[in-house]
Amino acid sequence: MAAAVVDSKAMKVPTPLITTSPDRLNGTPVFAGTRVPVQTLIDYLEGGDPLEAFLDNFPSVSREHAIAVLEVAKTALLAKAVAA
């Protein structure tokens, strides 16, 4: 799978976007530079909450960072699309 290209200088987001460490939340993928699990953003959106609600509750994640992670997820999902 090809990695999505994100211009981190233009959007002022960390590179890499997501990190894991066995010493931090048992290896759960988190927004780089935070202890906020990426799954938490997905849970908010699946629950019908707007992005703003997530950002309000997790101020250590910038809007640009959250959108960049969603763009990577979108790219990965679309790369797996199968013709009907």
C-alpha atoms as a PDB file:
ATOM      1  CA  MET A   1       0.000   0.000   0.000  1.00  0.00           C
ATOM      2  CA  ALA A   2       1.375   3.402  -0.955  1.00  0.00           C
ATOM      3  CA  ALA A   3       1.651   5.990   1.779  1.00  0.00           C
ATOM      4  CA  ALA A   4      -0.419   9.123   1.436  1.00  0.00           C
ATOM      5  CA  VAL A   5       1.572  12.260   0.827  1.00  0.00           C
ATOM      6  CA  VAL A   6       0.881  14.989   3.350  1.00  0.00           C
ATOM      7  CA  ASP A   7       2.573  18.383   3.198  1.00  0.00           C
ATOM      8  CA  SER A   8       3.214  18.724   6.919  1.00  0.00           C
ATOM      9  CA  LYS A   9       4.859  22.147   6.553  1.00  0.00           C
ATOM     10  CA  ALA A  10       1.820  23.664   4.877  1.00  0.00           C
ATOM     11  CA  MET A  11      -0.583  22.121   7.395  1.00  0.00           C
ATOM     12  CA  LYS A  12       1.694  22.327  10.435  1.00  0.00           C
ATOM     13  CA  VAL A  13       1.156  18.742  11.528  1.00  0.00           C
ATOM     14  CA  PRO A  14       3.754  16.338  12.869  1.00  0.00           C
ATOM     15  CA  THR A  15       5.461  13.738  10.750  1.00  0.00           C
ATOM     16  CA  PRO A  16       4.635  10.948  11.201  1.00  0.00           C
ATOM     17  CA  LEU A  17       0.963  11.643  11.812  1.00  0.00           C
ATOM     18  CA  ILE A  18       0.366   8.570  13.959  1.00  0.00           C
ATOM     19  CA  THR A  19       2.713   6.800  16.352  1.00  0.00           C
ATOM     20  CA  THR A  20       2.658   3.697  18.505  1.00  0.00           C
ATOM     21  CA  SER A  21       4.775   2.608  21.420  1.00  0.00           C
ATOM     22  CA  PRO A  22       4.455  -0.434  23.655  1.00  0.00           C
ATOM     23  CA  ASP A  23       5.095   1.925  26.588  1.00  0.00           C
ATOM     24  CA  ARG A  24       2.210   4.249  25.680  1.00  0.00           C
ATOM     25  CA  LEU A  25      -1.349   2.933  25.926  1.00  0.00           C
ATOM     26  CA  ASN A  26      -0.129  -0.615  25.218  1.00  0.00           C
ATOM     27  CA  GLY A  27       0.834   0.239  21.637  1.00  0.00           C
ATOM     28  CA  THR A  28      -2.465   1.850  20.680  1.00  0.00           C
ATOM     29  CA  PRO A  29      -2.021   4.122  17.627  1.00  0.00           C
ATOM     30  CA  VAL A  30      -2.168   7.755  18.803  1.00  0.00           C
ATOM     31  CA  PHE A  31      -1.952  11.157  17.194  1.00  0.00           C
ATOM     32  CA  ALA A  32       1.789  11.883  17.124  1.00  0.00           C
ATOM     33  CA  GLY A  33       2.895  14.057  20.021  1.00  0.00           C
ATOM     34  CA  THR A  34      -0.204  13.227  22.074  1.00  0.00           C
ATOM     35  CA  ARG A  35      -1.722  10.400  24.083  1.00  0.00           C
ATOM     36  CA  VAL A  36      -4.987  10.643  22.121  1.00  0.00           C
ATOM     37  CA  PRO A  37      -5.886   7.375  20.380  1.00  0.00           C
ATOM     38  CA  VAL A  38      -6.813   7.707  16.708  1.00  0.00           C
ATOM     39  CA  GLN A  39      -9.698   5.320  17.456  1.00  0.00           C
ATOM     40  CA  THR A  40     -11.229   8.040  19.621  1.00  0.00           C
ATOM     41  CA  LEU A  41     -11.667  10.287  16.581  1.00  0.00           C
ATOM     42  CA  ILE A  42     -13.246   7.420  14.649  1.00  0.00           C
ATOM     43  CA  ASP A  43     -15.571   6.693  17.595  1.00  0.00           C
ATOM     44  CA  TYR A  44     -16.696  10.332  17.739  1.00  0.00           C
ATOM     45  CA  LEU A  45     -17.450  10.425  14.023  1.00  0.00           C
ATOM     46  CA  GLU A  46     -19.193   7.030  14.070  1.00  0.00           C
ATOM     47  CA  GLY A  47     -21.330   8.294  16.937  1.00  0.00           C
ATOM     48  CA  GLY A  48     -22.492  11.232  14.831  1.00  0.00           C
ATOM     49  CA  ASP A  49     -20.442  13.848  16.646  1.00  0.00           C
ATOM     50  CA  PRO A  50     -18.929  16.636  14.557  1.00  0.00           C
ATOM     51  CA  LEU A  51     -15.177  17.008  14.264  1.00  0.00           C
ATOM     52  CA  GLU A  52     -15.461  20.157  16.387  1.00  0.00           C
ATOM     53  CA  ALA A  53     -16.711  18.118  19.366  1.00  0.00           C
ATOM     54  CA  PHE A  54     -13.636  15.887  19.178  1.00  0.00           C
ATOM     55  CA  LEU A  55     -11.328  18.889  18.846  1.00  0.00           C
ATOM     56  CA  ASP A  56     -12.978  20.654  21.788  1.00  0.00           C
ATOM     57  CA  ASN A  57     -12.472  17.600  24.000  1.00  0.00           C
ATOM     58  CA  PHE A  58      -8.916  16.881  22.810  1.00  0.00           C
ATOM     59  CA  PRO A  59      -7.200  20.259  22.355  1.00  0.00           C
ATOM     60  CA  SER A  60      -3.792  18.605  21.939  1.00  0.00           C
ATOM     61  CA  VAL A  61      -4.945  17.499  18.464  1.00  0.00           C
ATOM     62  CA  SER A  62      -5.128  20.296  15.895  1.00  0.00           C
ATOM     63  CA  ARG A  63      -7.804  20.462  13.219  1.00  0.00           C
ATOM     64  CA  GLU A  64      -5.088  20.091  10.579  1.00  0.00           C
ATOM     65  CA  HIS A  65      -3.694  16.988  12.292  1.00  0.00           C
ATOM     66  CA  ALA A  66      -7.121  15.343  12.551  1.00  0.00           C
ATOM     67  CA  ILE A  67      -7.948  16.102   8.923  1.00  0.00           C
ATOM     68  CA  ALA A  68      -4.564  14.796   7.769  1.00  0.00           C
ATOM     69  CA  VAL A  69      -5.199  11.505   9.607  1.00  0.00           C
ATOM     70  CA  LEU A  70      -8.667  11.257   8.060  1.00  0.00           C
ATOM     71  CA  GLU A  71      -7.143  11.882   4.619  1.00  0.00           C
ATOM     72  CA  VAL A  72      -4.696   9.012   5.144  1.00  0.00           C
ATOM     73  CA  ALA A  73      -7.586   6.760   6.208  1.00  0.00           C
ATOM     74  CA  LYS A  74      -9.607   7.834   3.168  1.00  0.00           C
ATOM     75  CA  THR A  75      -6.692   7.117   0.831  1.00  0.00           C
ATOM     76  CA  ALA A  76      -6.185   3.673   2.361  1.00  0.00           C
ATOM     77  CA  LEU A  77      -9.890   2.866   2.118  1.00  0.00           C
ATOM     78  CA  LEU A  78     -10.221   4.000  -1.477  1.00  0.00           C
ATOM     79  CA  ALA A  79      -7.103   2.021  -2.443  1.00  0.00           C
ATOM     80  CA  LYS A  80      -8.939  -1.127  -1.316  1.00  0.00           C
ATOM     81  CA  ALA A  81     -12.074  -0.420  -3.362  1.00  0.00           C
ATOM     82  CA  VAL A  82     -13.174  -3.311  -5.558  1.00  0.00           C
ATOM     83  CA  ALA A  83     -14.978  -2.879  -8.854  1.00  0.00           C
ATOM     84  CA  ALA A  84     -18.610  -3.991  -8.690  1.00  0.00           C
END
